[in-house]
Every structure is written in structure tokens, then in C-alpha cells.
N, C-alpha and C. Protein backbone atom coordinates (compact mmCIF):
# COMPACT_ATOMS: atom_id res chain seq x y z
N MET A 1 0.05 -11.41 -0.04
CA MET A 1 0.72 -10.45 -0.26
C MET A 1 -0.15 -9.39 -0.10
N THR A 2 -0.28 -7.79 0.22
CA THR A 2 -0.91 -7.52 -0.73
C THR A 2 -0.40 -6.73 -1.65
N ALA A 3 -0.90 -6.33 -2.35
CA ALA A 3 -0.63 -5.37 -3.84
C ALA A 3 -0.19 -4.32 -3.53
N VAL A 4 1.23 -3.97 -4.00
CA VAL A 4 2.36 -2.77 -4.00
C VAL A 4 2.47 -2.55 -5.32
N LYS A 5 2.11 -0.69 -5.64
CA LYS A 5 3.11 -0.50 -6.75
C LYS A 5 4.18 -0.57 -6.40
N ILE A 6 4.82 -0.58 -7.76
CA ILE A 6 6.68 -1.24 -7.67
C ILE A 6 6.44 0.63 -9.02
N SER A 7 7.50 1.42 -8.35
CA SER A 7 8.02 2.74 -9.21
C SER A 7 9.10 2.80 -8.93
N GLU A 8 9.50 3.58 -10.06
CA GLU A 8 11.19 3.68 -9.37
C GLU A 8 11.60 4.58 -7.95
N ASP A 9 9.99 4.79 -7.36
CA ASP A 9 10.55 5.74 -6.97
C ASP A 9 10.93 5.28 -5.29
N ILE A 10 10.23 3.88 -5.06
CA ILE A 10 10.47 2.92 -4.29
C ILE A 10 11.98 2.91 -3.32
N LEU A 11 11.78 2.30 -2.70
CA LEU A 11 13.56 2.78 -1.40
C LEU A 11 13.86 1.70 -1.71
N LEU A 12 14.85 1.53 -1.45
CA LEU A 12 15.70 0.08 -2.26
C LEU A 12 15.25 -1.21 -0.86
N ILE A 13 14.96 -0.50 0.43
CA ILE A 13 14.68 -0.96 1.57
C ILE A 13 13.79 -2.24 1.73
N GLU A 14 12.53 -0.84 0.87
CA GLU A 14 11.03 -2.00 1.01
C GLU A 14 10.65 -2.57 -0.35
N LEU A 15 11.47 -2.20 -1.72
CA LEU A 15 11.84 -2.67 -2.12
C LEU A 15 12.28 -4.87 -1.78
N PHE A 16 12.94 -4.37 -1.53
CA PHE A 16 14.19 -6.02 -0.62
C PHE A 16 13.22 -6.95 0.01
N ARG A 17 11.77 -6.46 0.66
CA ARG A 17 11.10 -6.40 1.31
C ARG A 17 10.14 -6.87 0.82
N ILE A 18 9.53 -6.55 -0.62
CA ILE A 18 8.40 -7.58 -0.81
C ILE A 18 8.94 -7.77 -2.01
N LEU A 19 10.49 -7.56 -2.94
CA LEU A 19 10.53 -8.69 -3.82
C LEU A 19 11.93 -8.97 -3.46
N PRO A 20 12.66 -9.64 -2.29
CA PRO A 20 13.97 -9.93 -1.98
C PRO A 20 14.66 -10.44 -3.52
N GLU A 21 14.05 -11.38 -3.77
CA GLU A 21 14.76 -11.53 -5.38
C GLU A 21 15.66 -10.14 -6.23
N SER A 22 15.15 -8.79 -5.76
CA SER A 22 15.50 -8.72 -6.78
C SER A 22 17.05 -7.33 -6.20
N ARG A 23 17.50 -8.04 -4.97
CA ARG A 23 18.51 -7.65 -5.29
C ARG A 23 19.17 -8.45 -5.80
N ASP A 24 18.78 -9.79 -5.97
CA ASP A 24 19.86 -10.47 -7.40
C ASP A 24 20.20 -9.38 -8.62
N ILE A 25 18.83 -8.96 -9.54
CA ILE A 25 19.13 -7.86 -10.52
C ILE A 25 20.42 -7.36 -9.96
N LEU A 26 19.79 -6.09 -9.35
CA LEU A 26 20.74 -5.12 -9.04
C LEU A 26 21.78 -4.80 -8.52
N MET A 27 22.56 -6.53 -8.11
CA MET A 27 23.72 -7.01 -7.76
C MET A 27 24.38 -7.24 -9.15
N GLU A 28 24.05 -7.63 -10.81
CA GLU A 28 24.50 -7.28 -11.30
C GLU A 28 24.95 -6.18 -11.82
N VAL A 29 24.44 -5.23 -11.48
CA VAL A 29 24.71 -3.82 -12.12
C VAL A 29 25.40 -2.61 -11.04
N GLY A 30 25.86 -3.32 -9.56
CA GLY A 30 26.67 -2.32 -9.17
C GLY A 30 25.91 -2.53 -7.19
N TYR A 31 25.20 -3.51 -8.06
CA TYR A 31 24.79 -3.32 -5.76
C TYR A 31 25.60 -3.90 -5.34
N ARG A 32 26.39 -5.18 -5.98
CA ARG A 32 28.23 -5.39 -4.71
C ARG A 32 28.37 -5.06 -4.68
N ARG A 33 28.95 -4.01 -5.02
CA ARG A 33 29.94 -2.51 -4.79
C ARG A 33 29.26 -1.54 -3.41
N ILE A 34 27.39 -1.94 -3.49
CA ILE A 34 27.64 -1.22 -1.94
C ILE A 34 27.37 -2.04 -1.11
N ARG A 35 27.70 -3.40 -0.98
CA ARG A 35 28.41 -4.88 0.12
C ARG A 35 29.96 -4.47 0.24
N GLU A 36 30.54 -4.39 -1.05
CA GLU A 36 31.58 -4.57 -0.82
C GLU A 36 31.81 -3.30 0.48
N LEU A 37 31.70 -2.12 -0.07
CA LEU A 37 31.66 -0.79 0.57
C LEU A 37 31.86 -1.00 2.42
N ASP A 38 30.50 -2.21 2.29
CA ASP A 38 29.58 -2.34 3.65
C ASP A 38 28.91 -0.69 4.08
N ILE A 39 28.00 -0.35 3.08
CA ILE A 39 27.33 1.08 3.60
C ILE A 39 26.31 0.15 3.78
N GLU A 40 25.63 -1.04 2.66
CA GLU A 40 24.31 -1.05 2.28
C GLU A 40 23.25 -0.77 3.60
N GLU A 41 23.27 -1.24 4.88
CA GLU A 41 22.39 -0.77 6.15
C GLU A 41 22.61 0.77 6.01
N VAL A 42 22.45 1.44 6.05
CA VAL A 42 23.11 3.18 5.90
C VAL A 42 22.09 3.77 4.21
N VAL A 43 22.26 2.82 3.15
CA VAL A 43 22.09 4.05 2.04
C VAL A 43 20.72 3.13 1.56
N THR A 44 20.36 1.47 2.18
CA THR A 44 18.88 0.93 2.08
C THR A 44 17.89 1.95 2.01
N ASP A 45 17.68 2.63 2.99
CA ASP A 45 16.50 2.94 3.12
C ASP A 45 16.18 4.52 3.31
N LYS A 46 17.20 4.99 2.59
CA LYS A 46 17.22 6.17 1.80
C LYS A 46 17.42 6.50 0.39
N LEU A 47 17.82 5.42 -0.64
CA LEU A 47 17.79 4.99 -1.82
C LEU A 47 17.07 4.46 -2.64
N THR A 48 16.22 5.63 -3.88
CA THR A 48 15.15 5.07 -3.38
C THR A 48 15.85 3.92 -5.48
N LEU A 49 15.59 3.13 -5.87
CA LEU A 49 15.37 2.85 -7.38
C LEU A 49 16.44 3.54 -8.37
N ARG A 50 15.59 5.01 -8.12
CA ARG A 50 16.22 5.58 -9.78
C ARG A 50 16.91 5.98 -9.55
N GLY A 51 17.47 6.62 -7.55
CA GLY A 51 18.74 6.92 -6.97
C GLY A 51 19.87 5.50 -7.04
N PHE A 52 19.86 4.76 -7.02
CA PHE A 52 20.29 4.08 -7.49
C PHE A 52 21.37 3.18 -8.82
N THR A 53 19.80 3.67 -9.88
CA THR A 53 20.57 3.50 -11.06
C THR A 53 21.16 4.82 -11.41
N ARG A 54 21.27 5.60 -10.80
CA ARG A 54 21.33 7.18 -10.98
C ARG A 54 22.92 7.04 -10.06
N LEU A 55 22.96 6.17 -9.01
CA LEU A 55 24.54 6.26 -8.19
C LEU A 55 25.23 5.80 -9.16
N VAL A 56 25.38 4.39 -9.76
CA VAL A 56 25.65 3.12 -10.07
C VAL A 56 26.11 4.19 -12.10
N ASN A 57 25.20 5.29 -12.41
CA ASN A 57 26.29 5.45 -13.63
C ASN A 57 25.34 4.77 -14.64
N LEU A 58 24.49 4.11 -15.29
CA LEU A 58 22.86 3.44 -15.60
C LEU A 58 22.15 3.69 -17.12
N PRO A 59 23.32 4.33 -18.27
CA PRO A 59 22.31 4.21 -18.67
C PRO A 59 20.35 4.65 -18.69
N GLU A 60 19.97 5.71 -19.51
CA GLU A 60 18.53 5.76 -18.86
C GLU A 60 18.18 4.35 -19.88
N GLY A 61 18.86 3.53 -20.32
CA GLY A 61 18.34 2.82 -21.41
C GLY A 61 18.01 1.55 -20.68
N GLU A 62 18.97 1.24 -20.83
CA GLU A 62 19.54 -0.12 -19.19
C GLU A 62 18.69 0.72 -17.63
N ALA A 63 18.59 1.19 -17.43
CA ALA A 63 18.24 1.40 -15.89
C ALA A 63 16.10 1.56 -16.65
N GLY A 64 15.83 1.50 -17.69
CA GLY A 64 14.36 1.16 -18.65
C GLY A 64 14.63 -0.41 -18.13
N LYS A 65 15.45 -0.65 -18.63
CA LYS A 65 15.15 -2.45 -18.30
C LYS A 65 15.04 -2.79 -17.15
N ILE A 66 16.45 -2.76 -15.63
CA ILE A 66 16.48 -3.27 -14.46
C ILE A 66 15.32 -3.52 -14.47
N PHE A 67 14.13 -1.92 -14.33
CA PHE A 67 12.96 -1.19 -13.29
C PHE A 67 12.03 -1.99 -14.28
N LYS A 68 12.51 -1.99 -15.59
CA LYS A 68 11.29 -3.81 -16.39
C LYS A 68 11.41 -5.06 -15.56
N GLN A 69 12.15 -5.43 -15.49
CA GLN A 69 13.39 -6.78 -14.53
C GLN A 69 12.96 -6.75 -13.36
N ILE A 70 12.46 -5.67 -12.50
CA ILE A 70 11.98 -6.12 -11.14
C ILE A 70 10.67 -5.84 -11.47
N GLN A 71 9.27 -5.09 -12.06
CA GLN A 71 8.38 -4.76 -12.50
C GLN A 71 7.59 -6.54 -12.80
N ASP A 72 8.53 -6.86 -13.66
CA ASP A 72 7.53 -7.84 -14.12
C ASP A 72 8.63 -9.11 -13.18
N LEU A 73 9.35 -9.61 -12.37
CA LEU A 73 9.15 -10.11 -11.10
C LEU A 73 8.55 -10.20 -10.65
N TYR A 74 7.80 -8.99 -9.79
CA TYR A 74 7.05 -8.84 -8.89
C TYR A 74 5.60 -9.18 -9.48
N ASN A 75 5.55 -8.21 -10.88
CA ASN A 75 4.04 -9.15 -11.30
C ASN A 75 4.24 -11.32 -11.06
N LYS A 76 5.28 -11.38 -12.21
CA LYS A 76 5.08 -12.84 -11.94
C LYS A 76 4.89 -13.71 -10.53
N LYS A 77 5.50 -13.51 -9.28
CA LYS A 77 4.65 -13.01 -8.10
C LYS A 77 3.76 -13.12 -7.75
N LEU A 78 2.60 -11.87 -8.03
CA LEU A 78 1.87 -11.69 -8.16
C LEU A 78 0.56 -13.00 -8.55
N GLU A 79 1.49 -12.84 -9.96
CA GLU A 79 0.55 -14.24 -10.38
C GLU A 79 0.19 -15.98 -9.29
N GLU A 80 1.36 -16.22 -9.47
CA GLU A 80 1.60 -16.67 -8.61
C GLU A 80 0.58 -17.39 -7.13
N MET A 81 0.33 -16.52 -6.16
CA MET A 81 -0.46 -16.25 -4.99
C MET A 81 -1.85 -16.44 -5.54
């Protein structure tokens, strides 16, 4: 895997391609609703990680924690390679 910078501006579709496990983290904070509404295919290629946290009205502190969880998971995956 080529190292890619994970930022809050990464599109969800790209994030899920690089780090499929990140979807599980987002499921806990509102991504499940996107699936229930059957709009996943429509929004993942347009919605950034930051946009997602705003869409689900996560407080800034919570959004930061989610982003850190994703970064930590990605860094761990890189170390394992």
C-alpha cells in the first residue's frame, strides 16, 4: 500500500477504499443512517470526512476524536506492512 495522507478533506469513497475499517467507526456516529436511506452510493463520492461530521452534527470535539481514531487505525495498518 502506498502511503496516503489521511485528512479531513478526504472523500469517503477514497477513505473506504484505503481503509475499509473506517466505515465501522463512522457507523457508530451516524453512517448507519446513510445506509438505511439507501443513499450510500450517491454521497460517498461527494462527501468528505469533514462534511460527514457536519452532516451528522458531531460536535467539534467528537469529530476530532473520530478523525484521530481513523488516523490511528491507518497508522497502525501502515506499521503492519
